[in-house]
Protein backbone atom coordinates (compact mmCIF):
# COMPACT_ATOMS: atom_id res chain seq x y z
CA MET A 1 -10.37 27.95 3.66
CA GLN A 2 -8.69 24.37 4.00
CA GLU A 3 -5.02 24.50 4.47
CA LYS A 4 -3.00 22.52 2.48
CA ASP A 5 0.68 21.64 2.14
CA VAL A 6 2.84 22.80 -0.79
CA THR A 7 5.74 21.40 -2.61
CA LEU A 8 7.54 23.43 -4.88
CA VAL A 9 9.96 21.66 -7.53
CA THR A 10 11.87 23.73 -9.87
CA GLY A 11 13.56 22.12 -13.16
CA ALA A 12 10.99 19.42 -14.68
CA GLY A 13 13.10 16.64 -15.37
CA GLN A 14 13.18 13.08 -14.23
CA ILE A 15 15.25 13.50 -10.84
CA SER A 16 12.92 16.27 -9.96
CA MET A 17 9.74 13.97 -10.63
CA ALA A 18 10.96 11.38 -8.69
CA THR A 19 11.61 13.83 -5.80
CA ALA A 20 8.48 15.38 -6.01
CA ARG A 21 6.47 12.03 -5.83
CA ARG A 22 8.11 10.98 -3.00
CA LEU A 23 8.55 14.03 -0.74
CA GLY A 24 5.16 15.50 -2.24
CA TYR A 25 2.84 12.75 -1.18
CA GLY A 26 -0.41 14.18 -0.01
CA LYS A 27 0.48 17.95 -0.82
CA LYS A 28 -0.11 20.30 -3.23
CA ILE A 29 3.00 19.76 -5.94
CA VAL A 30 3.59 23.09 -8.25
CA MET A 31 6.04 22.19 -11.21
CA GLY A 32 8.14 24.81 -12.29
CA ASP A 33 11.03 25.09 -15.29
CA LYS A 34 12.73 27.62 -17.50
CA ASN A 35 10.65 25.78 -20.55
CA LEU A 36 7.00 25.76 -19.88
CA GLY A 37 6.34 22.65 -21.91
CA ASN A 38 8.59 20.94 -19.81
CA ALA A 39 6.66 21.50 -16.56
CA LYS A 40 3.24 21.04 -18.42
CA ALA A 41 4.70 17.43 -19.58
CA ILE A 42 5.86 16.21 -16.21
CA ALA A 43 2.81 17.99 -14.83
CA GLU A 44 0.48 15.61 -17.12
CA ILE A 45 2.55 12.42 -16.40
CA MET A 46 2.26 12.90 -12.86
CA ASN A 47 -1.83 13.56 -13.27
CA ASN A 48 -2.06 10.27 -14.99
CA ALA A 49 0.10 8.45 -12.57
CA ARG A 50 -2.33 10.07 -9.90
CA ARG A 51 -5.36 8.85 -11.57
CA ALA A 52 -4.05 5.40 -12.00
CA ASP A 53 -3.08 5.05 -8.70
CA ARG A 54 -7.08 5.85 -7.36
CA GLU A 55 -8.53 3.75 -10.01
CA PRO A 56 -8.65 -0.17 -9.52
CA GLN A 57 -7.04 -2.09 -11.94
CA THR A 58 -8.22 -5.37 -13.53
CA LYS A 59 -6.03 -8.31 -13.30
CA TRP A 60 -5.61 -7.78 -17.18
CA GLN A 61 -4.67 -4.39 -16.81
CA MET A 62 -1.94 -5.09 -14.27
CA SER A 63 -0.45 -7.80 -16.31
CA GLN A 64 -0.09 -5.32 -19.14
CA SER A 65 1.84 -2.67 -17.18
CA PHE A 66 4.87 -4.24 -16.80
C-alpha cells in the first residue's frame, strides 16, 4: 500500500481553499464543512484547478484566463 500525506481542511470557504492549495500541494486534501454543498463546490473548484495545472495551454487559452 502506498502512503500519502493528508491535509484536512474544515470550513469550505475562500480562505480555507487558499490555505489548502498552499499547504496541501502534493498531498491528499480532505475538505469538510457543515454544509455538504459548500464542501462539494470547493472540491470541484480545486479539482478543476488541478486539471488545469496539468494540461498544457495554448497561447490563446492563456490570454483568455486573465
